[in-house]
Protein backbone atom coordinates (compact mmCIF):
# COMPACT_ATOMS: atom_id res chain seq x y z
CA UNK A 1 0.00 0.00 0.00
CA UNK A 2 1.49 3.32 -0.95
CA UNK A 3 0.91 6.41 1.11
CA UNK A 4 -1.55 8.93 -0.20
CA UNK A 5 -0.34 12.52 -0.49
CA UNK A 6 -3.07 14.48 1.24
CA UNK A 7 -3.81 18.09 0.33
CA UNK A 8 -6.56 20.58 1.00
CA UNK A 9 -8.00 19.59 -2.39
CA UNK A 10 -8.31 15.82 -1.74
CA UNK A 11 -8.55 15.58 2.08
CA UNK A 12 -12.33 15.40 2.20
CA UNK A 13 -12.53 12.73 -0.49
CA UNK A 14 -9.59 10.61 0.76
CA UNK A 15 -10.11 10.96 4.53
CA UNK A 16 -13.48 12.38 5.58
CA UNK A 17 -15.50 10.39 3.02
CA UNK A 18 -13.34 7.26 3.22
CA UNK A 19 -15.13 3.96 3.78
CA UNK A 20 -12.05 2.65 5.59
CA UNK A 21 -10.04 4.08 8.51
CA UNK A 22 -7.22 6.43 7.54
CA UNK A 23 -3.99 7.05 9.45
CA UNK A 24 -2.92 10.63 8.67
CA UNK A 25 0.67 11.69 9.28
CA UNK A 26 0.93 15.49 9.60
CA UNK A 27 4.57 16.31 8.81
CA UNK A 28 7.01 18.80 7.25
CA UNK A 29 10.22 18.52 5.19
CA UNK A 30 12.36 20.27 7.82
CA UNK A 31 11.22 18.02 10.71
CA UNK A 32 13.86 15.41 11.66
CA UNK A 33 11.49 13.09 13.57
CA UNK A 34 9.04 13.30 10.64
CA UNK A 35 11.74 12.07 8.26
CA UNK A 36 12.59 9.27 10.71
CA UNK A 37 8.96 8.11 10.45
CA UNK A 38 9.03 7.72 6.64
CA UNK A 39 10.57 4.21 6.50
CA UNK A 40 8.42 3.12 9.46
CA UNK A 41 5.25 4.19 7.65
CA UNK A 42 6.44 2.48 4.45
CA UNK A 43 6.99 -0.79 6.35
CA UNK A 44 3.63 -0.43 8.06
CA UNK A 45 1.96 0.09 4.69
CA UNK A 46 3.51 -3.14 3.40
CA UNK A 47 2.41 -5.08 6.47
CA UNK A 48 -1.15 -3.78 6.21
CA UNK A 49 -1.42 -4.50 2.47
CA UNK A 50 -4.88 -5.88 1.74
CA UNK A 51 -6.35 -4.66 5.05
CA UNK A 52 -9.20 -2.12 5.04
CA UNK A 53 -7.06 0.88 6.00
CA UNK A 54 -5.26 3.76 4.28
CA UNK A 55 -2.17 5.76 5.23
CA UNK A 56 -1.89 9.38 4.18
CA UNK A 57 0.70 12.11 4.61
CA UNK A 58 -0.22 15.77 4.93
CA UNK A 59 2.54 18.37 4.64
CA UNK A 60 1.60 21.06 7.18
CA UNK A 61 3.64 23.75 5.39
CA UNK A 62 1.77 23.18 2.13
CA UNK A 63 -1.64 22.69 3.80
CA UNK A 64 -1.74 25.18 6.64
CA UNK A 65 -5.54 25.28 6.59
CA UNK A 66 -5.67 21.56 7.47
CA UNK A 67 -2.98 21.99 10.14
CA UNK A 68 -5.09 24.73 11.74
CA UNK A 69 -8.37 22.87 11.40
CA UNK A 70 -6.96 19.78 13.14
CA UNK A 71 -5.00 21.84 15.69
CA UNK A 72 -1.56 20.53 14.76
CA UNK A 73 0.82 22.22 17.18
CA UNK A 74 3.71 19.71 17.12
CA UNK A 75 4.84 17.33 14.43
CA UNK A 76 4.92 14.57 13.59
CA UNK A 77 1.29 14.33 14.58
CA UNK A 78 -0.85 11.32 13.76
CA UNK A 79 -4.61 11.12 13.65
CA UNK A 80 -6.70 8.08 12.83
CA UNK A 81 -9.96 8.97 11.11
CA UNK A 82 -12.89 6.58 10.96
CA UNK A 83 -16.25 7.56 9.55
CA UNK A 84 -14.94 11.07 8.95
CA UNK A 85 -14.06 11.67 12.61
CA UNK A 86 -10.81 11.56 14.56
CA UNK A 87 -10.94 8.43 16.74
CA UNK A 88 -7.32 8.37 17.91
CA UNK A 89 -4.51 10.92 17.95
CA UNK A 90 -0.92 11.02 19.14
CA UNK A 91 2.13 13.25 18.71
CA UNK A 92 5.80 12.45 18.23
CA UNK A 93 7.78 9.64 16.66
CA UNK A 94 6.11 6.25 17.08
CA UNK A 95 7.27 2.69 16.68
CA UNK A 96 5.81 0.63 13.86
CA UNK A 97 4.34 -1.81 16.39
CA UNK A 98 2.68 1.01 18.31
CA UNK A 99 1.07 2.42 15.16
CA UNK A 100 0.03 -1.03 13.98
CA UNK A 101 -1.63 -1.94 17.29
CA UNK A 102 -3.50 1.39 17.38
CA UNK A 103 -4.77 0.78 13.85
CA UNK A 104 -5.72 -2.84 14.48
CA UNK A 105 -7.82 -1.81 17.49
CA UNK A 106 -10.17 0.16 15.27
CA UNK A 107 -10.27 -2.16 12.25
PDB file of N, CA and C in Angstrom:
ATOM      1  N   UNK A   1       0.856  -1.169   0.000  1.00  0.00           N
ATOM      2  CA  UNK A   1       0.000   0.000   0.000  1.00  0.00           C
ATOM      3  C   UNK A   1       0.899   1.228   0.000  1.00  0.00           C
ATOM      4  N   UNK A   2       0.678   2.108  -0.946  1.00  0.00           N
ATOM      5  CA  UNK A   2       1.491   3.321  -0.948  1.00  0.00           C
ATOM      6  C   UNK A   2       0.740   4.421  -0.203  1.00  0.00           C
ATOM      7  N   UNK A   3       1.511   5.315   0.358  1.00  0.00           N
ATOM      8  CA  UNK A   3       0.907   6.407   1.111  1.00  0.00           C
ATOM      9  C   UNK A   3       0.250   7.376   0.147  1.00  0.00           C
ATOM     10  N   UNK A   4      -0.825   7.955   0.594  1.00  0.00           N
ATOM     11  CA  UNK A   4      -1.554   8.929  -0.200  1.00  0.00           C
ATOM     12  C   UNK A   4      -1.060  10.310   0.194  1.00  0.00           C
ATOM     13  N   UNK A   5      -0.730  11.137  -0.791  1.00  0.00           N
ATOM     14  CA  UNK A   5      -0.345  12.520  -0.492  1.00  0.00           C
ATOM     15  C   UNK A   5      -1.634  13.306  -0.301  1.00  0.00           C
ATOM     16  N   UNK A   6      -1.847  13.759   0.922  1.00  0.00           N
ATOM     17  CA  UNK A   6      -3.071  14.478   1.238  1.00  0.00           C
ATOM     18  C   UNK A   6      -2.866  15.981   1.109  1.00  0.00           C
ATOM     19  N   UNK A   7      -3.853  16.633   0.506  1.00  0.00           N
ATOM     20  CA  UNK A   7      -3.810  18.086   0.330  1.00  0.00           C
ATOM     21  C   UNK A   7      -5.186  18.639   0.694  1.00  0.00           C
ATOM     22  N   UNK A   8      -5.263  19.945   0.738  1.00  0.00           N
ATOM     23  CA  UNK A   8      -6.557  20.585   1.001  1.00  0.00           C
ATOM     24  C   UNK A   8      -7.578  20.169  -0.058  1.00  0.00           C
ATOM     25  N   UNK A   9      -7.106  19.928  -1.289  1.00  0.00           N
ATOM     26  CA  UNK A   9      -7.998  19.585  -2.390  1.00  0.00           C
ATOM     27  C   UNK A   9      -8.583  18.177  -2.276  1.00  0.00           C
ATOM     28  N   UNK A  10      -7.809  17.202  -1.746  1.00  0.00           N
ATOM     29  CA  UNK A  10      -8.315  15.818  -1.737  1.00  0.00           C
ATOM     30  C   UNK A  10      -8.611  15.285  -0.332  1.00  0.00           C
ATOM     31  N   UNK A  11      -8.401  16.072   0.707  1.00  0.00           N
ATOM     32  CA  UNK A  11      -8.550  15.580   2.079  1.00  0.00           C
ATOM     33  C   UNK A  11      -9.964  15.068   2.357  1.00  0.00           C
ATOM     34  N   UNK A  12     -10.954  15.830   1.936  1.00  0.00           N
ATOM     35  CA  UNK A  12     -12.333  15.403   2.203  1.00  0.00           C
ATOM     36  C   UNK A  12     -12.642  14.078   1.519  1.00  0.00           C
ATOM     37  N   UNK A  13     -12.256  13.968   0.257  1.00  0.00           N
ATOM     38  CA  UNK A  13     -12.529  12.732  -0.493  1.00  0.00           C
ATOM     39  C   UNK A  13     -11.757  11.540   0.081  1.00  0.00           C
ATOM     40  N   UNK A  14     -10.447  11.722   0.344  1.00  0.00           N
ATOM     41  CA  UNK A  14      -9.593  10.613   0.764  1.00  0.00           C
ATOM     42  C   UNK A  14      -9.732  10.241   2.233  1.00  0.00           C
ATOM     43  N   UNK A  15     -10.084  11.203   3.079  1.00  0.00           N
ATOM     44  CA  UNK A  15     -10.109  10.958   4.526  1.00  0.00           C
ATOM     45  C   UNK A  15     -11.531  11.033   5.087  1.00  0.00           C
ATOM     46  N   UNK A  16     -12.160  12.177   4.959  1.00  0.00           N
ATOM     47  CA  UNK A  16     -13.477  12.383   5.578  1.00  0.00           C
ATOM     48  C   UNK A  16     -14.523  11.434   4.992  1.00  0.00           C
ATOM     49  N   UNK A  17     -14.501  11.255   3.678  1.00  0.00           N
ATOM     50  CA  UNK A  17     -15.504  10.395   3.019  1.00  0.00           C
ATOM     51  C   UNK A  17     -15.036   8.959   2.838  1.00  0.00           C
ATOM     52  N   UNK A  18     -13.889   8.605   3.402  1.00  0.00           N
ATOM     53  CA  UNK A  18     -13.339   7.262   3.216  1.00  0.00           C
ATOM     54  C   UNK A  18     -14.220   6.207   3.901  1.00  0.00           C
ATOM     55  N   UNK A  19     -14.368   5.084   3.211  1.00  0.00           N
ATOM     56  CA  UNK A  19     -15.127   3.957   3.775  1.00  0.00           C
ATOM     57  C   UNK A  19     -14.270   3.162   4.763  1.00  0.00           C
ATOM     58  N   UNK A  20     -12.966   3.381   4.710  1.00  0.00           N
ATOM     59  CA  UNK A  20     -12.049   2.653   5.591  1.00  0.00           C
ATOM     60  C   UNK A  20     -11.322   3.648   6.496  1.00  0.00           C
ATOM     61  N   UNK A  21     -10.819   3.189   7.643  1.00  0.00           N
ATOM     62  CA  UNK A  21     -10.043   4.077   8.512  1.00  0.00           C
ATOM     63  C   UNK A  21      -8.798   4.597   7.790  1.00  0.00           C
ATOM     64  N   UNK A  22      -8.387   5.809   8.156  1.00  0.00           N
ATOM     65  CA  UNK A  22      -7.220   6.433   7.536  1.00  0.00           C
ATOM     66  C   UNK A  22      -6.288   6.937   8.636  1.00  0.00           C
ATOM     67  N   UNK A  23      -5.028   6.518   8.574  1.00  0.00           N
ATOM     68  CA  UNK A  23      -3.994   7.054   9.449  1.00  0.00           C
ATOM     69  C   UNK A  23      -3.378   8.239   8.709  1.00  0.00           C
ATOM     70  N   UNK A  24      -3.484   9.431   9.301  1.00  0.00           N
ATOM     71  CA  UNK A  24      -2.925  10.625   8.673  1.00  0.00           C
ATOM     72  C   UNK A  24      -1.692  11.068   9.449  1.00  0.00           C
ATOM     73  N   UNK A  25      -0.592  11.204   8.725  1.00  0.00           N
ATOM     74  CA  UNK A  25       0.670  11.694   9.277  1.00  0.00           C
ATOM     75  C   UNK A  25       0.799  13.160   8.876  1.00  0.00           C
ATOM     76  N   UNK A  26       0.710  14.068   9.857  1.00  0.00           N
ATOM     77  CA  UNK A  26       0.925  15.489   9.604  1.00  0.00           C
ATOM     78  C   UNK A  26       2.422  15.737   9.809  1.00  0.00           C
ATOM     79  N   UNK A  27       3.115  16.228   8.797  1.00  0.00           N
ATOM     80  CA  UNK A  27       4.568  16.307   8.812  1.00  0.00           C
ATOM     81  C   UNK A  27       5.048  17.538   8.052  1.00  0.00           C
ATOM     82  N   UNK A  28       6.384  17.735   8.048  1.00  0.00           N
ATOM     83  CA  UNK A  28       7.012  18.798   7.254  1.00  0.00           C
ATOM     84  C   UNK A  28       8.418  18.341   6.850  1.00  0.00           C
ATOM     85  N   UNK A  29       8.898  18.883   5.714  1.00  0.00           N
ATOM     86  CA  UNK A  29      10.223  18.524   5.190  1.00  0.00           C
ATOM     87  C   UNK A  29      11.338  18.754   6.206  1.00  0.00           C
ATOM     88  N   UNK A  30      11.273  19.852   6.935  1.00  0.00           N
ATOM     89  CA  UNK A  30      12.360  20.271   7.825  1.00  0.00           C
ATOM     90  C   UNK A  30      12.365  19.542   9.164  1.00  0.00           C
ATOM     91  N   UNK A  31      11.393  18.686   9.406  1.00  0.00           N
ATOM     92  CA  UNK A  31      11.220  18.024  10.707  1.00  0.00           C
ATOM     93  C   UNK A  31      11.990  16.695  10.735  1.00  0.00           C
ATOM     94  N   UNK A  32      13.048  16.630  11.554  1.00  0.00           N
ATOM     95  CA  UNK A  32      13.859  15.414  11.658  1.00  0.00           C
ATOM     96  C   UNK A  32      13.068  14.185  12.069  1.00  0.00           C
ATOM     97  N   UNK A  33      12.290  14.256  13.172  1.00  0.00           N
ATOM     98  CA  UNK A  33      11.490  13.092  13.572  1.00  0.00           C
ATOM     99  C   UNK A  33      10.474  12.673  12.496  1.00  0.00           C
ATOM    100  N   UNK A  34       9.977  13.644  11.726  1.00  0.00           N
ATOM    101  CA  UNK A  34       9.039  13.304  10.638  1.00  0.00           C
ATOM    102  C   UNK A  34       9.746  12.448   9.594  1.00  0.00           C
ATOM    103  N   UNK A  35      10.978  12.837   9.257  1.00  0.00           N
ATOM    104  CA  UNK A  35      11.740  12.065   8.263  1.00  0.00           C
ATOM    105  C   UNK A  35      12.084  10.677   8.797  1.00  0.00           C
ATOM    106  N   UNK A  36      12.324  10.582  10.107  1.00  0.00           N
ATOM    107  CA  UNK A  36      12.586   9.270  10.715  1.00  0.00           C
ATOM    108  C   UNK A  36      11.382   8.340  10.567  1.00  0.00           C
ATOM    109  N   UNK A  37      10.181   8.908  10.522  1.00  0.00           N
ATOM    110  CA  UNK A  37       8.960   8.111  10.447  1.00  0.00           C
ATOM    111  C   UNK A  37       8.705   7.552   9.044  1.00  0.00           C
ATOM    112  N   UNK A  38       9.313   8.145   8.016  1.00  0.00           N
ATOM    113  CA  UNK A  38       9.028   7.721   6.641  1.00  0.00           C
ATOM    114  C   UNK A  38       9.225   6.229   6.410  1.00  0.00           C
ATOM    115  N   UNK A  39      10.413   5.656   6.742  1.00  0.00           N
ATOM    116  CA  UNK A  39      10.569   4.210   6.496  1.00  0.00           C
ATOM    117  C   UNK A  39       9.651   3.362   7.380  1.00  0.00           C
ATOM    118  N   UNK A  40       9.339   3.857   8.562  1.00  0.00           N
ATOM    119  CA  UNK A  40       8.425   3.124   9.461  1.00  0.00           C
ATOM    120  C   UNK A  40       7.037   3.057   8.838  1.00  0.00           C
ATOM    121  N   UNK A  41       6.576   4.180   8.286  1.00  0.00           N
ATOM    122  CA  UNK A  41       5.250   4.194   7.649  1.00  0.00           C
ATOM    123  C   UNK A  41       5.242   3.342   6.386  1.00  0.00           C
ATOM    124  N   UNK A  42       6.358   3.329   5.651  1.00  0.00           N
ATOM    125  CA  UNK A  42       6.438   2.482   4.448  1.00  0.00           C
ATOM    126  C   UNK A  42       6.329   1.010   4.832  1.00  0.00           C
ATOM    127  N   UNK A  43       7.059   0.608   5.883  1.00  0.00           N
ATOM    128  CA  UNK A  43       6.988  -0.786   6.350  1.00  0.00           C
ATOM    129  C   UNK A  43       5.580  -1.131   6.813  1.00  0.00           C
ATOM    130  N   UNK A  44       4.985  -0.210   7.560  1.00  0.00           N
ATOM    131  CA  UNK A  44       3.630  -0.432   8.061  1.00  0.00           C
ATOM    132  C   UNK A  44       2.659  -0.615   6.896  1.00  0.00           C
ATOM    133  N   UNK A  45       2.816   0.207   5.874  1.00  0.00           N
ATOM    134  CA  UNK A  45       1.964   0.086   4.691  1.00  0.00           C
ATOM    135  C   UNK A  45       2.081  -1.281   4.046  1.00  0.00           C
ATOM    136  N   UNK A  46       3.306  -1.803   3.985  1.00  0.00           N
ATOM    137  CA  UNK A  46       3.512  -3.141   3.400  1.00  0.00           C
ATOM    138  C   UNK A  46       2.859  -4.216   4.260  1.00  0.00           C
ATOM    139  N   UNK A  47       2.997  -4.075   5.573  1.00  0.00           N
ATOM    140  CA  UNK A  47       2.414  -5.081   6.474  1.00  0.00           C
ATOM    141  C   UNK A  47       0.888  -5.064   6.454  1.00  0.00           C
ATOM    142  N   UNK A  48       0.314  -3.898   6.190  1.00  0.00           N
ATOM    143  CA  UNK A  48      -1.147  -3.779   6.208  1.00  0.00           C
ATOM    144  C   UNK A  48      -1.757  -3.933   4.820  1.00  0.00           C
ATOM    145  N   UNK A  49      -0.941  -4.296   3.840  1.00  0.00           N
ATOM    146  CA  UNK A  49      -1.425  -4.501   2.471  1.00  0.00           C
ATOM    147  C   UNK A  49      -2.630  -5.440   2.492  1.00  0.00           C
ATOM    148  N   UNK A  50      -3.693  -5.032   1.812  1.00  0.00           N
ATOM    149  CA  UNK A  50      -4.879  -5.875   1.742  1.00  0.00           C
ATOM    150  C   UNK A  50      -5.854  -5.667   2.897  1.00  0.00           C
ATOM    151  N   UNK A  51      -5.448  -4.939   3.924  1.00  0.00           N
ATOM    152  CA  UNK A  51      -6.353  -4.657   5.052  1.00  0.00           C
ATOM    153  C   UNK A  51      -7.164  -3.407   4.733  1.00  0.00           C
ATOM    154  N   UNK A  52      -8.345  -3.270   5.333  1.00  0.00           N
ATOM    155  CA  UNK A  52      -9.203  -2.115   5.038  1.00  0.00           C
ATOM    156  C   UNK A  52      -8.747  -0.854   5.783  1.00  0.00           C
ATOM    157  N   UNK A  53      -7.597  -0.321   5.361  1.00  0.00           N
ATOM    158  CA  UNK A  53      -7.056   0.875   6.001  1.00  0.00           C
ATOM    159  C   UNK A  53      -6.203   1.632   4.987  1.00  0.00           C
ATOM    160  N   UNK A  54      -6.101   2.951   5.152  1.00  0.00           N
ATOM    161  CA  UNK A  54      -5.259   3.765   4.279  1.00  0.00           C
ATOM    162  C   UNK A  54      -4.287   4.558   5.148  1.00  0.00           C
ATOM    163  N   UNK A  55      -3.146   4.902   4.564  1.00  0.00           N
ATOM    164  CA  UNK A  55      -2.172   5.756   5.233  1.00  0.00           C
ATOM    165  C   UNK A  55      -1.955   6.969   4.334  1.00  0.00           C
ATOM    166  N   UNK A  56      -2.074   8.145   4.939  1.00  0.00           N
ATOM    167  CA  UNK A  56      -1.888   9.376   4.176  1.00  0.00           C
ATOM    168  C   UNK A  56      -0.916  10.304   4.872  1.00  0.00           C
ATOM    169  N   UNK A  57      -0.240  11.129   4.072  1.00  0.00           N
ATOM    170  CA  UNK A  57       0.697  12.113   4.614  1.00  0.00           C
ATOM    171  C   UNK A  57       0.228  13.501   4.202  1.00  0.00           C
ATOM    172  N   UNK A  58       0.206  14.407   5.183  1.00  0.00           N
ATOM    173  CA  UNK A  58      -0.223  15.770   4.929  1.00  0.00           C
ATOM    174  C   UNK A  58       0.888  16.722   5.343  1.00  0.00           C
ATOM    175  N   UNK A  59       1.472  17.413   4.374  1.00  0.00           N
ATOM    176  CA  UNK A  59       2.544  18.367   4.640  1.00  0.00           C
ATOM    177  C   UNK A  59       1.908  19.629   5.231  1.00  0.00           C
ATOM    178  N   UNK A  60       2.253  19.937   6.485  1.00  0.00           N
ATOM    179  CA  UNK A  60       1.604  21.059   7.180  1.00  0.00           C
ATOM    180  C   UNK A  60       2.027  22.411   6.602  1.00  0.00           C
ATOM    181  N   UNK A  61       3.212  22.491   5.995  1.00  0.00           N
ATOM    182  CA  UNK A  61       3.636  23.748   5.388  1.00  0.00           C
ATOM    183  C   UNK A  61       2.834  24.048   4.123  1.00  0.00           C
ATOM    184  N   UNK A  62       2.505  23.008   3.378  1.00  0.00           N
ATOM    185  CA  UNK A  62       1.767  23.184   2.126  1.00  0.00           C
ATOM    186  C   UNK A  62       0.254  23.242   2.354  1.00  0.00           C
ATOM    187  N   UNK A  63      -0.206  22.766   3.510  1.00  0.00           N
ATOM    188  CA  UNK A  63      -1.643  22.688   3.798  1.00  0.00           C
ATOM    189  C   UNK A  63      -1.932  23.272   5.180  1.00  0.00           C
ATOM    190  N   UNK A  64      -1.604  24.545   5.333  1.00  0.00           N
ATOM    191  CA  UNK A  64      -1.738  25.177   6.643  1.00  0.00           C
ATOM    192  C   UNK A  64      -3.183  25.225   7.128  1.00  0.00           C
ATOM    193  N   UNK A  65      -4.126  25.276   6.194  1.00  0.00           N
ATOM    194  CA  UNK A  65      -5.542  25.276   6.592  1.00  0.00           C
ATOM    195  C   UNK A  65      -5.902  23.978   7.310  1.00  0.00           C
ATOM    196  N   UNK A  66      -5.394  22.844   6.825  1.00  0.00           N
ATOM    197  CA  UNK A  66      -5.674  21.560   7.473  1.00  0.00           C
ATOM    198  C   UNK A  66      -4.965  21.478   8.823  1.00  0.00           C
ATOM    199  N   UNK A  67      -3.731  21.993   8.880  1.00  0.00           N
ATOM    200  CA  UNK A  67      -2.981  21.990  10.141  1.00  0.00           C
ATOM    201  C   UNK A  67      -3.744  22.793  11.200  1.00  0.00           C
ATOM    202  N   UNK A  68      -4.305  23.918  10.804  1.00  0.00           N
ATOM    203  CA  UNK A  68      -5.089  24.733  11.742  1.00  0.00           C
ATOM    204  C   UNK A  68      -6.381  24.030  12.129  1.00  0.00           C
ATOM    205  N   UNK A  69      -7.078  23.515  11.141  1.00  0.00           N
ATOM    206  CA  UNK A  69      -8.368  22.866  11.400  1.00  0.00           C
ATOM    207  C   UNK A  69      -8.227  21.717  12.396  1.00  0.00           C
ATOM    208  N   UNK A  70      -7.152  20.940  12.273  1.00  0.00           N
ATOM    209  CA  UNK A  70      -6.964  19.776  13.139  1.00  0.00           C
ATOM    210  C   UNK A  70      -6.000  20.065  14.301  1.00  0.00           C
ATOM    211  N   UNK A  71      -5.753  21.365  14.521  1.00  0.00           N
ATOM    212  CA  UNK A  71      -4.998  21.837  15.689  1.00  0.00           C
ATOM    213  C   UNK A  71      -3.649  21.135  15.835  1.00  0.00           C
ATOM    214  N   UNK A  72      -2.901  21.126  14.738  1.00  0.00           N
ATOM    215  CA  UNK A  72      -1.564  20.527  14.759  1.00  0.00           C
ATOM    216  C   UNK A  72      -0.591  21.560  15.325  1.00  0.00           C
ATOM    217  N   UNK A  73      -0.103  21.298  16.519  1.00  0.00           N
ATOM    218  CA  UNK A  73       0.820  22.219  17.184  1.00  0.00           C
ATOM    219  C   UNK A  73       2.243  21.679  17.178  1.00  0.00           C
ATOM    220  N   UNK A  74       2.399  20.370  17.163  1.00  0.00           N
ATOM    221  CA  UNK A  74       3.707  19.710  17.119  1.00  0.00           C
ATOM    222  C   UNK A  74       3.650  18.627  16.064  1.00  0.00           C
ATOM    223  N   UNK A  75       4.786  18.400  15.416  1.00  0.00           N
ATOM    224  CA  UNK A  75       4.843  17.326  14.425  1.00  0.00           C
ATOM    225  C   UNK A  75       6.053  16.454  14.709  1.00  0.00           C
ATOM    226  N   UNK A  76       6.027  15.190  14.306  1.00  0.00           N
ATOM    227  CA  UNK A  76       4.918  14.569  13.591  1.00  0.00           C
ATOM    228  C   UNK A  76       3.698  14.389  14.497  1.00  0.00           C
ATOM    229  N   UNK A  77       2.553  14.565  13.882  1.00  0.00           N
ATOM    230  CA  UNK A  77       1.286  14.326  14.578  1.00  0.00           C
ATOM    231  C   UNK A  77       0.513  13.313  13.751  1.00  0.00           C
ATOM    232  N   UNK A  78      -0.099  12.375  14.439  1.00  0.00           N
ATOM    233  CA  UNK A  78      -0.851  11.320  13.762  1.00  0.00           C
ATOM    234  C   UNK A  78      -2.288  11.348  14.239  1.00  0.00           C
ATOM    235  N   UNK A  79      -3.196  11.225  13.301  1.00  0.00           N
ATOM    236  CA  UNK A  79      -4.612  11.125  13.648  1.00  0.00           C
ATOM    237  C   UNK A  79      -5.193   9.968  12.848  1.00  0.00           C
ATOM    238  N   UNK A  80      -6.002   9.164  13.523  1.00  0.00           N
ATOM    239  CA  UNK A  80      -6.704   8.083  12.825  1.00  0.00           C
ATOM    240  C   UNK A  80      -8.153   8.528  12.671  1.00  0.00           C
ATOM    241  N   UNK A  81      -8.592   8.578  11.422  1.00  0.00           N
ATOM    242  CA  UNK A  81      -9.965   8.968  11.106  1.00  0.00           C
ATOM    243  C   UNK A  81     -10.761   7.718  10.787  1.00  0.00           C
ATOM    244  N   UNK A  82     -11.970   7.662  11.294  1.00  0.00           N
ATOM    245  CA  UNK A  82     -12.890   6.582  10.960  1.00  0.00           C
ATOM    246  C   UNK A  82     -14.267   7.212  10.853  1.00  0.00           C
ATOM    247  N   UNK A  83     -14.944   6.957   9.742  1.00  0.00           N
ATOM    248  CA  UNK A  83     -16.254   7.562   9.546  1.00  0.00           C
ATOM    249  C   UNK A  83     -16.200   9.080   9.526  1.00  0.00           C
ATOM    250  N   UNK A  84     -15.071   9.630   9.065  1.00  0.00           N
ATOM    251  CA  UNK A  84     -14.938  11.075   8.947  1.00  0.00           C
ATOM    252  C   UNK A  84     -14.565  11.793  10.229  1.00  0.00           C
ATOM    253  N   UNK A  85     -14.379  11.054  11.318  1.00  0.00           N
ATOM    254  CA  UNK A  85     -14.061  11.673  12.609  1.00  0.00           C
ATOM    255  C   UNK A  85     -12.727  11.143  13.144  1.00  0.00           C
ATOM    256  N   UNK A  86     -12.057  11.984  13.919  1.00  0.00           N
ATOM    257  CA  UNK A  86     -10.812  11.560  14.558  1.00  0.00           C
ATOM    258  C   UNK A  86     -11.165  10.633  15.712  1.00  0.00           C
ATOM    259  N   UNK A  87     -10.656   9.401  15.677  1.00  0.00           N
ATOM    260  CA  UNK A  87     -10.944   8.433  16.740  1.00  0.00           C
ATOM    261  C   UNK A  87      -9.727   8.167  17.620  1.00  0.00           C
ATOM    262  N   UNK A  88      -8.557   8.592  17.145  1.00  0.00           N
ATOM    263  CA  UNK A  88      -7.322   8.374  17.910  1.00  0.00           C
ATOM    264  C   UNK A  88      -6.323   9.410  17.424  1.00  0.00           C
ATOM    265  N   UNK A  89      -5.534   9.965  18.356  1.00  0.00           N
ATOM    266  CA  UNK A  89      -4.506  10.917  17.945  1.00  0.00           C
ATOM    267  C   UNK A  89      -3.328  10.846  18.897  1.00  0.00           C
ATOM    268  N   UNK A  90      -2.133  11.084  18.348  1.00  0.00           N
ATOM    269  CA  UNK A  90      -0.921  11.022  19.144  1.00  0.00           C
ATOM    270  C   UNK A  90       0.144  11.847  18.446  1.00  0.00           C
ATOM    271  N   UNK A  91       1.104  12.344  19.219  1.00  0.00           N
ATOM    272  CA  UNK A  91       2.133  13.248  18.707  1.00  0.00           C
ATOM    273  C   UNK A  91       3.507  12.650  18.976  1.00  0.00           C
ATOM    274  N   UNK A  92       4.432  12.894  18.051  1.00  0.00           N
ATOM    275  CA  UNK A  92       5.805  12.451  18.234  1.00  0.00           C
ATOM    276  C   UNK A  92       6.079  11.164  17.489  1.00  0.00           C
ATOM    277  N   UNK A  93       7.364  10.855  17.356  1.00  0.00           N
ATOM    278  CA  UNK A  93       7.777   9.641  16.657  1.00  0.00           C
ATOM    279  C   UNK A  93       7.183   8.416  17.365  1.00  0.00           C
ATOM    280  N   UNK A  94       6.747   7.469  16.567  1.00  0.00           N
ATOM    281  CA  UNK A  94       6.107   6.251  17.077  1.00  0.00           C
ATOM    282  C   UNK A  94       6.857   5.038  16.535  1.00  0.00           C
ATOM    283  N   UNK A  95       6.734   3.924  17.232  1.00  0.00           N
ATOM    284  CA  UNK A  95       7.272   2.686  16.675  1.00  0.00           C
ATOM    285  C   UNK A  95       6.243   2.098  15.714  1.00  0.00           C
ATOM    286  N   UNK A  96       6.732   1.268  14.808  1.00  0.00           N
ATOM    287  CA  UNK A  96       5.815   0.626  13.860  1.00  0.00           C
ATOM    288  C   UNK A  96       4.791  -0.226  14.613  1.00  0.00           C
ATOM    289  N   UNK A  97       5.253  -0.953  15.639  1.00  0.00           N
ATOM    290  CA  UNK A  97       4.340  -1.815  16.388  1.00  0.00           C
ATOM    291  C   UNK A  97       3.269  -1.006  17.109  1.00  0.00           C
ATOM    292  N   UNK A  98       3.650   0.145  17.634  1.00  0.00           N
ATOM    293  CA  UNK A  98       2.683   1.009  18.313  1.00  0.00           C
ATOM    294  C   UNK A  98       1.609   1.492  17.338  1.00  0.00           C
ATOM    295  N   UNK A  99       2.032   1.954  16.164  1.00  0.00           N
ATOM    296  CA  UNK A  99       1.074   2.416  15.158  1.00  0.00           C
ATOM    297  C   UNK A  99       0.176   1.271  14.706  1.00  0.00           C
ATOM    298  N   UNK A 100       0.791   0.119  14.472  1.00  0.00           N
ATOM    299  CA  UNK A 100       0.028  -1.035  13.977  1.00  0.00           C
ATOM    300  C   UNK A 100      -1.023  -1.460  14.996  1.00  0.00           C
ATOM    301  N   UNK A 101      -0.659  -1.499  16.274  1.00  0.00           N
ATOM    302  CA  UNK A 101      -1.629  -1.939  17.294  1.00  0.00           C
ATOM    303  C   UNK A 101      -2.772  -0.916  17.423  1.00  0.00           C
ATOM    304  N   UNK A 102      -2.456   0.374  17.301  1.00  0.00           N
ATOM    305  CA  UNK A 102      -3.505   1.391  17.378  1.00  0.00           C
ATOM    306  C   UNK A 102      -4.470   1.255  16.193  1.00  0.00           C
ATOM    307  N   UNK A 103      -3.927   0.973  15.022  1.00  0.00           N
ATOM    308  CA  UNK A 103      -4.772   0.781  13.852  1.00  0.00           C
ATOM    309  C   UNK A 103      -5.612  -0.483  13.963  1.00  0.00           C
ATOM    310  N   UNK A 104      -4.999  -1.574  14.409  1.00  0.00           N
ATOM    311  CA  UNK A 104      -5.719  -2.845  14.478  1.00  0.00           C
ATOM    312  C   UNK A 104      -6.863  -2.786  15.473  1.00  0.00           C
ATOM    313  N   UNK A 105      -6.735  -1.942  16.507  1.00  0.00           N
ATOM    314  CA  UNK A 105      -7.815  -1.806  17.488  1.00  0.00           C
ATOM    315  C   UNK A 105      -9.094  -1.275  16.868  1.00  0.00           C
ATOM    316  N   UNK A 106      -8.963  -0.436  15.833  1.00  0.00           N
ATOM    317  CA  UNK A 106     -10.169   0.164  15.268  1.00  0.00           C
ATOM    318  C   UNK A 106     -10.630  -0.502  13.979  1.00  0.00           C
ATOM    319  N   UNK A 107      -9.863  -1.485  13.492  1.00  0.00           N
ATOM    320  CA  UNK A 107     -10.275  -2.163  12.251  1.00  0.00           C
ATOM    321  C   UNK A 107     -11.450  -3.089  12.497  1.00  0.00           C
TER     322      UNK A 107
END
